[in-house]
Amino acid sequence: MRTRSWPPTTRDGASLAHAYVDVLRWPLLIDGAPVTPEQAEELMERTPSAVVQTRSEGFDTVSVPRALGSDVLLNVDRGRVTFPSLRVGNDVVTLLVEAGTGACLADIAEARIGTGALVPLPLPPTPGLRWDTPPWDIYADSPTALKLPHAQDLRKSLATALRTHRGHS
């Protein structure tokens, strides 16, 4: 692996780009075109408004409003399952789950399920994107991707957070 540091920090674009490709095996895309980590880093330096994306082929996404997502993350932190989560601006929290399992949460109106969708990735200097919980093991001595949990493992935490939010409506 060619990352400069492990685990990658939010300010180290080169390490992040290489972690996405080398550890997670995610393709990097800019404007729908595949790019190498070096090309992504160079473009981000030249065009700070460019957004690096990946296609969620190896995972599903479960996106919820930020307030609800914050409560879900608090509930999840109390459990034994780790859900990688991405903060998208001030409005949305996106959780990553095992590919093909997101559909089991389709009955929850507040959750938007994504399969094969384009997902923006935090890569400096992109504003408004950051990992709340990155998709790699931050405690591992060597680069290690997290095993993504089944979306069903998210249901209890999501239901608890929904009861709280619906009760305040």
N, C-alpha and C. Protein backbone atom coordinates (compact mmCIF):
# COMPACT_ATOMS: atom_id res chain seq x y z
N MET A 1 0.84 -1.18 0.00
CA MET A 1 0.00 0.00 0.00
C MET A 1 0.88 1.24 0.00
N ARG A 2 0.45 2.27 -0.71
CA ARG A 2 1.28 3.44 -0.89
C ARG A 2 0.85 4.63 -0.04
N THR A 3 0.00 4.45 0.94
CA THR A 3 -0.41 5.60 1.72
C THR A 3 0.78 6.14 2.49
N ARG A 4 0.75 7.40 2.76
CA ARG A 4 1.84 8.04 3.48
C ARG A 4 1.73 7.81 4.98
N SER A 5 0.54 7.60 5.46
CA SER A 5 0.34 7.36 6.89
C SER A 5 -0.86 6.45 7.09
N TRP A 6 -0.85 5.77 8.22
CA TRP A 6 -2.01 4.94 8.56
C TRP A 6 -2.36 5.17 10.01
N PRO A 7 -3.63 5.37 10.32
CA PRO A 7 -4.73 5.57 9.37
C PRO A 7 -4.66 6.95 8.74
N PRO A 8 -5.28 7.10 7.57
CA PRO A 8 -5.24 8.41 6.91
C PRO A 8 -6.00 9.46 7.72
N THR A 9 -5.51 10.68 7.67
CA THR A 9 -6.20 11.76 8.35
C THR A 9 -7.02 12.55 7.34
N THR A 10 -7.96 13.33 7.84
CA THR A 10 -8.86 14.07 6.96
C THR A 10 -8.15 15.13 6.14
N ARG A 11 -6.94 15.51 6.54
CA ARG A 11 -6.21 16.55 5.80
C ARG A 11 -5.19 15.98 4.83
N ASP A 12 -4.99 14.68 4.84
CA ASP A 12 -3.98 14.05 3.99
C ASP A 12 -4.66 13.42 2.77
N GLY A 13 -4.83 14.24 1.74
CA GLY A 13 -5.54 13.80 0.54
C GLY A 13 -4.91 12.59 -0.12
N ALA A 14 -3.58 12.55 -0.17
CA ALA A 14 -2.90 11.43 -0.83
C ALA A 14 -3.19 10.13 -0.08
N SER A 15 -3.09 10.14 1.24
CA SER A 15 -3.36 8.92 2.01
C SER A 15 -4.81 8.50 1.89
N LEU A 16 -5.72 9.47 1.91
CA LEU A 16 -7.14 9.14 1.73
C LEU A 16 -7.39 8.51 0.37
N ALA A 17 -6.90 9.14 -0.68
CA ALA A 17 -7.13 8.63 -2.04
C ALA A 17 -6.60 7.21 -2.18
N HIS A 18 -5.41 6.96 -1.66
CA HIS A 18 -4.84 5.62 -1.75
C HIS A 18 -5.60 4.62 -0.86
N ALA A 19 -6.09 5.06 0.28
CA ALA A 19 -6.88 4.17 1.13
C ALA A 19 -8.16 3.75 0.41
N TYR A 20 -8.82 4.68 -0.28
CA TYR A 20 -10.03 4.35 -1.03
C TYR A 20 -9.75 3.27 -2.07
N VAL A 21 -8.64 3.42 -2.77
CA VAL A 21 -8.33 2.50 -3.87
C VAL A 21 -7.63 1.23 -3.37
N ASP A 22 -6.57 1.39 -2.59
CA ASP A 22 -5.73 0.25 -2.21
C ASP A 22 -6.32 -0.61 -1.09
N VAL A 23 -6.99 0.01 -0.13
CA VAL A 23 -7.53 -0.73 1.01
C VAL A 23 -8.98 -1.15 0.77
N LEU A 24 -9.79 -0.20 0.33
CA LEU A 24 -11.22 -0.47 0.15
C LEU A 24 -11.56 -1.03 -1.22
N ARG A 25 -10.64 -0.86 -2.17
CA ARG A 25 -10.86 -1.32 -3.56
C ARG A 25 -12.02 -0.59 -4.23
N TRP A 26 -12.18 0.69 -3.90
CA TRP A 26 -13.21 1.51 -4.50
C TRP A 26 -12.63 2.26 -5.69
N PRO A 27 -13.33 2.31 -6.81
CA PRO A 27 -12.86 3.14 -7.92
C PRO A 27 -13.10 4.62 -7.59
N LEU A 28 -12.19 5.47 -8.01
CA LEU A 28 -12.38 6.91 -7.85
C LEU A 28 -12.88 7.47 -9.17
N LEU A 29 -13.86 8.36 -9.08
CA LEU A 29 -14.46 8.97 -10.26
C LEU A 29 -14.52 10.48 -10.07
N ILE A 30 -14.24 11.20 -11.13
CA ILE A 30 -14.47 12.65 -11.16
C ILE A 30 -15.23 12.93 -12.44
N ASP A 31 -16.40 13.55 -12.30
CA ASP A 31 -17.29 13.79 -13.44
C ASP A 31 -17.60 12.49 -14.18
N GLY A 32 -17.72 11.40 -13.44
CA GLY A 32 -18.07 10.11 -14.03
C GLY A 32 -16.92 9.35 -14.65
N ALA A 33 -15.74 9.97 -14.72
CA ALA A 33 -14.58 9.32 -15.35
C ALA A 33 -13.65 8.75 -14.28
N PRO A 34 -13.16 7.53 -14.48
CA PRO A 34 -12.24 6.95 -13.51
C PRO A 34 -10.92 7.70 -13.48
N VAL A 35 -10.37 7.85 -12.26
CA VAL A 35 -9.07 8.51 -12.09
C VAL A 35 -8.24 7.71 -11.09
N THR A 36 -6.93 7.87 -11.17
CA THR A 36 -6.02 7.27 -10.21
C THR A 36 -5.99 8.15 -8.96
N PRO A 37 -5.47 7.63 -7.85
CA PRO A 37 -5.34 8.48 -6.67
C PRO A 37 -4.49 9.72 -6.95
N GLU A 38 -3.42 9.57 -7.73
CA GLU A 38 -2.56 10.71 -8.05
C GLU A 38 -3.31 11.75 -8.88
N GLN A 39 -4.10 11.29 -9.85
CA GLN A 39 -4.89 12.22 -10.67
C GLN A 39 -5.93 12.94 -9.81
N ALA A 40 -6.57 12.21 -8.89
CA ALA A 40 -7.57 12.82 -8.02
C ALA A 40 -6.93 13.90 -7.14
N GLU A 41 -5.78 13.58 -6.57
CA GLU A 41 -5.10 14.55 -5.71
C GLU A 41 -4.68 15.79 -6.50
N GLU A 42 -4.14 15.58 -7.69
CA GLU A 42 -3.72 16.70 -8.53
C GLU A 42 -4.91 17.57 -8.92
N LEU A 43 -6.01 16.94 -9.30
CA LEU A 43 -7.19 17.71 -9.70
C LEU A 43 -7.77 18.48 -8.51
N MET A 44 -7.75 17.88 -7.33
CA MET A 44 -8.27 18.56 -6.15
C MET A 44 -7.43 19.80 -5.83
N GLU A 45 -6.14 19.73 -6.08
CA GLU A 45 -5.27 20.89 -5.85
C GLU A 45 -5.57 22.00 -6.86
N ARG A 46 -5.81 21.61 -8.12
CA ARG A 46 -6.08 22.59 -9.18
C ARG A 46 -7.50 23.13 -9.13
N THR A 47 -8.45 22.26 -8.81
CA THR A 47 -9.87 22.61 -8.84
C THR A 47 -10.53 22.19 -7.53
N PRO A 48 -10.43 23.04 -6.50
CA PRO A 48 -10.95 22.67 -5.19
C PRO A 48 -12.45 22.35 -5.17
N SER A 49 -13.19 22.80 -6.18
CA SER A 49 -14.63 22.52 -6.20
C SER A 49 -14.94 21.15 -6.81
N ALA A 50 -13.95 20.47 -7.34
CA ALA A 50 -14.17 19.13 -7.91
C ALA A 50 -14.57 18.17 -6.79
N VAL A 51 -15.41 17.21 -7.11
CA VAL A 51 -15.86 16.23 -6.12
C VAL A 51 -15.43 14.85 -6.58
N VAL A 52 -14.71 14.16 -5.72
CA VAL A 52 -14.30 12.79 -5.99
C VAL A 52 -15.42 11.88 -5.50
N GLN A 53 -15.79 10.92 -6.32
CA GLN A 53 -16.88 10.01 -5.98
C GLN A 53 -16.42 8.57 -6.17
N THR A 54 -17.23 7.66 -5.63
CA THR A 54 -17.11 6.25 -5.95
C THR A 54 -18.51 5.74 -6.25
N ARG A 55 -18.59 4.58 -6.84
CA ARG A 55 -19.90 3.96 -7.10
C ARG A 55 -20.10 2.91 -6.02
N SER A 56 -21.25 2.94 -5.39
CA SER A 56 -21.53 2.01 -4.28
C SER A 56 -21.88 0.62 -4.81
N GLU A 57 -20.89 -0.03 -5.39
CA GLU A 57 -21.11 -1.39 -5.90
C GLU A 57 -20.76 -2.43 -4.85
N GLY A 58 -19.84 -2.12 -3.94
CA GLY A 58 -19.45 -3.05 -2.90
C GLY A 58 -20.16 -2.80 -1.59
N PHE A 59 -21.11 -1.88 -1.60
CA PHE A 59 -21.86 -1.55 -0.39
C PHE A 59 -23.16 -0.86 -0.77
N ASP A 60 -24.11 -0.84 0.14
CA ASP A 60 -25.33 -0.05 0.00
C ASP A 60 -25.19 1.15 0.94
N THR A 61 -25.94 2.19 0.66
CA THR A 61 -25.96 3.36 1.54
C THR A 61 -27.34 3.53 2.16
N VAL A 62 -27.35 4.01 3.38
CA VAL A 62 -28.59 4.35 4.07
C VAL A 62 -28.41 5.80 4.52
N SER A 63 -29.10 6.71 3.86
CA SER A 63 -28.97 8.14 4.16
C SER A 63 -30.20 8.61 4.92
N VAL A 64 -29.94 9.37 5.98
CA VAL A 64 -31.01 9.89 6.83
C VAL A 64 -30.72 11.36 7.15
N PRO A 65 -31.74 12.12 7.55
CA PRO A 65 -31.50 13.50 7.95
C PRO A 65 -30.47 13.56 9.08
N ARG A 66 -29.69 14.62 9.11
CA ARG A 66 -28.57 14.72 10.04
C ARG A 66 -28.96 14.53 11.50
N ALA A 67 -30.02 15.19 11.98
CA ALA A 67 -30.41 15.07 13.38
C ALA A 67 -30.72 13.61 13.73
N LEU A 68 -31.45 12.96 12.85
CA LEU A 68 -31.78 11.54 13.06
C LEU A 68 -30.50 10.71 12.99
N GLY A 69 -29.64 11.00 12.01
CA GLY A 69 -28.39 10.27 11.86
C GLY A 69 -27.49 10.40 13.07
N SER A 70 -27.45 11.58 13.69
CA SER A 70 -26.63 11.78 14.89
C SER A 70 -27.12 10.88 16.02
N ASP A 71 -28.44 10.79 16.18
CA ASP A 71 -29.00 9.91 17.21
C ASP A 71 -28.74 8.44 16.89
N VAL A 72 -28.85 8.08 15.62
CA VAL A 72 -28.57 6.70 15.21
C VAL A 72 -27.11 6.36 15.56
N LEU A 73 -26.19 7.28 15.26
CA LEU A 73 -24.78 7.04 15.55
C LEU A 73 -24.53 6.89 17.04
N LEU A 74 -25.22 7.66 17.87
CA LEU A 74 -25.09 7.50 19.32
C LEU A 74 -25.57 6.13 19.76
N ASN A 75 -26.69 5.69 19.20
CA ASN A 75 -27.21 4.36 19.53
C ASN A 75 -26.27 3.26 19.05
N VAL A 76 -25.74 3.42 17.86
CA VAL A 76 -24.84 2.41 17.28
C VAL A 76 -23.55 2.32 18.09
N ASP A 77 -23.05 3.47 18.55
CA ASP A 77 -21.80 3.48 19.33
C ASP A 77 -21.91 2.65 20.61
N ARG A 78 -23.11 2.45 21.08
CA ARG A 78 -23.33 1.66 22.30
C ARG A 78 -23.31 0.16 22.01
N GLY A 79 -23.36 -0.21 20.75
CA GLY A 79 -23.40 -1.62 20.37
C GLY A 79 -22.04 -2.14 19.97
N ARG A 80 -22.04 -3.35 19.43
CA ARG A 80 -20.79 -4.00 19.05
C ARG A 80 -20.52 -3.93 17.55
N VAL A 81 -21.45 -3.36 16.79
CA VAL A 81 -21.30 -3.29 15.34
C VAL A 81 -20.88 -1.87 14.96
N THR A 82 -19.89 -1.76 14.08
CA THR A 82 -19.42 -0.46 13.61
C THR A 82 -19.98 -0.19 12.21
N PHE A 83 -20.64 0.95 12.09
CA PHE A 83 -21.17 1.38 10.80
C PHE A 83 -20.37 2.56 10.30
N PRO A 84 -19.64 2.40 9.19
CA PRO A 84 -18.99 3.57 8.62
C PRO A 84 -20.06 4.61 8.29
N SER A 85 -19.77 5.87 8.61
CA SER A 85 -20.76 6.91 8.37
C SER A 85 -20.08 8.16 7.83
N LEU A 86 -20.76 8.77 6.89
CA LEU A 86 -20.27 9.93 6.16
C LEU A 86 -21.20 11.09 6.42
N ARG A 87 -20.65 12.22 6.85
CA ARG A 87 -21.43 13.43 7.03
C ARG A 87 -21.41 14.19 5.71
N VAL A 88 -22.58 14.44 5.15
CA VAL A 88 -22.70 15.14 3.87
C VAL A 88 -23.34 16.49 4.15
N GLY A 89 -22.51 17.53 4.20
CA GLY A 89 -23.00 18.87 4.51
C GLY A 89 -23.61 18.91 5.90
N ASN A 90 -24.56 19.79 6.07
CA ASN A 90 -25.24 19.92 7.36
C ASN A 90 -26.57 19.18 7.39
N ASP A 91 -26.88 18.46 6.32
CA ASP A 91 -28.22 17.92 6.19
C ASP A 91 -28.34 16.41 6.29
N VAL A 92 -27.28 15.66 5.95
CA VAL A 92 -27.43 14.22 5.77
C VAL A 92 -26.28 13.45 6.42
N VAL A 93 -26.63 12.30 6.99
CA VAL A 93 -25.65 11.31 7.43
C VAL A 93 -25.91 10.06 6.59
N THR A 94 -24.85 9.54 5.98
CA THR A 94 -24.95 8.34 5.16
C THR A 94 -24.16 7.23 5.82
N LEU A 95 -24.83 6.10 6.07
CA LEU A 95 -24.20 4.93 6.67
C LEU A 95 -23.97 3.89 5.59
N LEU A 96 -22.84 3.19 5.67
CA LEU A 96 -22.52 2.15 4.70
C LEU A 96 -22.85 0.80 5.30
N VAL A 97 -23.53 -0.03 4.50
CA VAL A 97 -23.90 -1.38 4.93
C VAL A 97 -23.51 -2.38 3.85
N GLU A 98 -23.56 -3.63 4.21
CA GLU A 98 -23.21 -4.71 3.29
C GLU A 98 -24.02 -4.60 2.00
N ALA A 99 -23.36 -4.82 0.88
CA ALA A 99 -24.01 -4.75 -0.43
C ALA A 99 -25.21 -5.68 -0.48
N GLY A 100 -26.30 -5.18 -1.03
CA GLY A 100 -27.50 -5.99 -1.22
C GLY A 100 -28.40 -6.09 -0.01
N THR A 101 -28.04 -5.42 1.11
CA THR A 101 -28.87 -5.56 2.32
C THR A 101 -29.70 -4.33 2.65
N GLY A 102 -29.40 -3.20 2.02
CA GLY A 102 -30.10 -1.96 2.33
C GLY A 102 -31.61 -2.04 2.12
N ALA A 103 -32.04 -2.85 1.19
CA ALA A 103 -33.47 -2.96 0.87
C ALA A 103 -34.30 -3.38 2.07
N CYS A 104 -33.70 -4.04 3.05
CA CYS A 104 -34.48 -4.48 4.22
C CYS A 104 -34.94 -3.29 5.07
N LEU A 105 -34.43 -2.09 4.78
CA LEU A 105 -34.86 -0.89 5.51
C LEU A 105 -35.76 0.00 4.65
N ALA A 106 -36.20 -0.51 3.51
CA ALA A 106 -37.00 0.28 2.57
C ALA A 106 -38.34 0.72 3.16
N ASP A 107 -38.80 0.06 4.21
CA ASP A 107 -40.07 0.43 4.83
C ASP A 107 -39.95 1.65 5.74
N ILE A 108 -38.76 2.17 5.95
CA ILE A 108 -38.55 3.33 6.82
C ILE A 108 -38.51 4.58 5.95
N ALA A 109 -39.56 5.39 6.05
CA ALA A 109 -39.74 6.54 5.16
C ALA A 109 -38.59 7.54 5.25
N GLU A 110 -37.98 7.68 6.42
CA GLU A 110 -36.92 8.67 6.60
C GLU A 110 -35.57 8.22 6.02
N ALA A 111 -35.47 6.96 5.65
CA ALA A 111 -34.21 6.43 5.13
C ALA A 111 -34.24 6.35 3.61
N ARG A 112 -33.20 6.88 3.00
CA ARG A 112 -33.05 6.78 1.54
C ARG A 112 -31.97 5.73 1.29
N ILE A 113 -32.35 4.65 0.60
CA ILE A 113 -31.45 3.53 0.35
C ILE A 113 -30.80 3.70 -1.02
N GLY A 114 -29.49 3.51 -1.08
CA GLY A 114 -28.78 3.63 -2.35
C GLY A 114 -28.02 2.35 -2.67
N THR A 115 -28.16 1.89 -3.89
CA THR A 115 -27.43 0.73 -4.38
C THR A 115 -26.85 1.10 -5.74
N GLY A 116 -25.54 1.01 -5.87
CA GLY A 116 -24.91 1.34 -7.14
C GLY A 116 -24.90 2.82 -7.45
N ALA A 117 -25.21 3.65 -6.47
CA ALA A 117 -25.26 5.10 -6.68
C ALA A 117 -23.88 5.72 -6.57
N LEU A 118 -23.74 6.92 -7.09
CA LEU A 118 -22.51 7.67 -6.91
C LEU A 118 -22.50 8.25 -5.50
N VAL A 119 -21.38 8.09 -4.81
CA VAL A 119 -21.23 8.55 -3.43
C VAL A 119 -20.04 9.51 -3.38
N PRO A 120 -20.27 10.75 -2.92
CA PRO A 120 -19.14 11.68 -2.80
C PRO A 120 -18.21 11.23 -1.68
N LEU A 121 -16.92 11.43 -1.88
CA LEU A 121 -15.92 11.01 -0.88
C LEU A 121 -15.18 12.21 -0.32
N PRO A 122 -14.93 12.21 0.98
CA PRO A 122 -14.10 13.27 1.54
C PRO A 122 -12.68 13.17 0.98
N LEU A 123 -12.25 14.21 0.38
CA LEU A 123 -10.88 14.32 -0.11
C LEU A 123 -10.58 15.82 -0.13
N PRO A 124 -9.63 16.27 0.68
CA PRO A 124 -9.40 17.72 0.78
C PRO A 124 -9.10 18.32 -0.59
N PRO A 125 -9.57 19.49 -0.85
CA PRO A 125 -10.23 20.45 0.04
C PRO A 125 -11.76 20.45 -0.08
N THR A 126 -12.39 19.35 -0.50
CA THR A 126 -13.83 19.31 -0.66
C THR A 126 -14.53 19.71 0.64
N PRO A 127 -15.32 20.78 0.59
CA PRO A 127 -16.01 21.21 1.80
C PRO A 127 -17.28 20.38 2.04
N GLY A 128 -17.66 20.26 3.30
CA GLY A 128 -18.94 19.67 3.64
C GLY A 128 -18.99 18.16 3.66
N LEU A 129 -17.87 17.49 3.46
CA LEU A 129 -17.84 16.03 3.52
C LEU A 129 -16.81 15.60 4.55
N ARG A 130 -17.21 14.67 5.42
CA ARG A 130 -16.24 14.11 6.35
C ARG A 130 -16.74 12.78 6.87
N TRP A 131 -15.80 11.93 7.23
CA TRP A 131 -16.15 10.65 7.84
C TRP A 131 -16.42 10.87 9.32
N ASP A 132 -17.61 10.50 9.79
CA ASP A 132 -17.85 10.42 11.24
C ASP A 132 -17.16 9.15 11.74
N THR A 133 -17.37 8.08 11.00
CA THR A 133 -16.70 6.80 11.26
C THR A 133 -16.16 6.32 9.92
N PRO A 134 -14.84 6.27 9.75
CA PRO A 134 -14.30 5.87 8.46
C PRO A 134 -14.51 4.38 8.19
N PRO A 135 -14.42 3.97 6.92
CA PRO A 135 -14.66 2.57 6.56
C PRO A 135 -13.43 1.68 6.72
N TRP A 136 -12.45 2.13 7.47
CA TRP A 136 -11.26 1.32 7.76
C TRP A 136 -11.05 1.26 9.26
N ASP A 137 -10.30 0.27 9.69
CA ASP A 137 -10.04 0.07 11.11
C ASP A 137 -8.95 1.04 11.56
N ILE A 138 -9.33 2.04 12.33
CA ILE A 138 -8.37 3.06 12.76
C ILE A 138 -7.41 2.53 13.83
N TYR A 139 -7.70 1.38 14.40
CA TYR A 139 -6.84 0.81 15.45
C TYR A 139 -5.90 -0.27 14.93
N ALA A 140 -6.09 -0.68 13.70
CA ALA A 140 -5.24 -1.75 13.14
C ALA A 140 -3.83 -1.23 12.89
N ASP A 141 -2.85 -2.11 13.05
CA ASP A 141 -1.46 -1.74 12.79
C ASP A 141 -1.17 -1.58 11.31
N SER A 142 -1.96 -2.27 10.51
CA SER A 142 -1.78 -2.18 9.06
C SER A 142 -3.12 -1.84 8.42
N PRO A 143 -3.10 -1.34 7.20
CA PRO A 143 -4.33 -0.95 6.52
C PRO A 143 -5.35 -2.09 6.44
N THR A 144 -6.51 -1.86 7.03
CA THR A 144 -7.55 -2.88 7.10
C THR A 144 -8.92 -2.25 6.89
N ALA A 145 -9.67 -2.76 5.91
CA ALA A 145 -11.04 -2.29 5.68
C ALA A 145 -11.96 -2.90 6.74
N LEU A 146 -12.96 -2.14 7.16
CA LEU A 146 -13.97 -2.69 8.06
C LEU A 146 -14.88 -3.63 7.29
N LYS A 147 -15.32 -4.68 7.94
CA LYS A 147 -16.35 -5.54 7.36
C LYS A 147 -17.66 -4.79 7.54
N LEU A 148 -18.35 -4.56 6.45
CA LEU A 148 -19.60 -3.81 6.52
C LEU A 148 -20.71 -4.68 7.10
N PRO A 149 -21.46 -4.13 8.06
CA PRO A 149 -22.54 -4.89 8.67
C PRO A 149 -23.77 -4.98 7.76
N HIS A 150 -24.59 -5.96 8.04
CA HIS A 150 -25.88 -6.11 7.36
C HIS A 150 -26.77 -4.94 7.78
N ALA A 151 -27.56 -4.43 6.88
CA ALA A 151 -28.45 -3.30 7.20
C ALA A 151 -29.42 -3.65 8.32
N GLN A 152 -29.78 -4.91 8.45
CA GLN A 152 -30.69 -5.32 9.52
C GLN A 152 -30.11 -4.96 10.90
N ASP A 153 -28.78 -4.96 11.01
CA ASP A 153 -28.13 -4.60 12.28
C ASP A 153 -28.34 -3.13 12.63
N LEU A 154 -28.77 -2.34 11.68
CA LEU A 154 -29.03 -0.92 11.89
C LEU A 154 -30.47 -0.66 12.34
N ARG A 155 -31.35 -1.60 12.10
CA ARG A 155 -32.79 -1.39 12.34
C ARG A 155 -33.11 -0.96 13.76
N LYS A 156 -32.56 -1.63 14.77
CA LYS A 156 -32.90 -1.31 16.16
C LYS A 156 -32.47 0.11 16.51
N SER A 157 -31.25 0.50 16.15
CA SER A 157 -30.76 1.86 16.44
C SER A 157 -31.58 2.90 15.69
N LEU A 158 -31.94 2.59 14.47
CA LEU A 158 -32.75 3.51 13.67
C LEU A 158 -34.15 3.64 14.27
N ALA A 159 -34.74 2.54 14.69
CA ALA A 159 -36.07 2.56 15.29
C ALA A 159 -36.08 3.37 16.59
N THR A 160 -35.06 3.20 17.40
CA THR A 160 -34.96 3.95 18.66
C THR A 160 -34.86 5.44 18.38
N ALA A 161 -34.01 5.83 17.43
CA ALA A 161 -33.87 7.24 17.08
C ALA A 161 -35.16 7.80 16.47
N LEU A 162 -35.83 7.01 15.68
CA LEU A 162 -37.09 7.47 15.07
C LEU A 162 -38.16 7.72 16.12
N ARG A 163 -38.26 6.84 17.12
CA ARG A 163 -39.25 7.06 18.19
C ARG A 163 -39.00 8.39 18.88
N THR A 164 -37.75 8.71 19.14
CA THR A 164 -37.40 9.96 19.77
C THR A 164 -37.78 11.14 18.88
N HIS A 165 -37.44 11.08 17.61
CA HIS A 165 -37.71 12.19 16.70
C HIS A 165 -39.18 12.33 16.38
N ARG A 166 -39.87 11.25 16.21
CA ARG A 166 -41.31 11.34 15.93
C ARG A 166 -42.07 11.83 17.15
N GLY A 167 -41.54 11.51 18.33
CA GLY A 167 -42.17 11.98 19.59
C GLY A 167 -42.05 13.47 19.77
N HIS A 168 -41.05 14.09 19.14
CA HIS A 168 -40.83 15.53 19.24
C HIS A 168 -41.49 16.31 18.12
N SER A 169 -42.14 15.61 17.23
CA SER A 169 -42.77 16.31 16.09
C SER A 169 -43.99 17.06 16.50
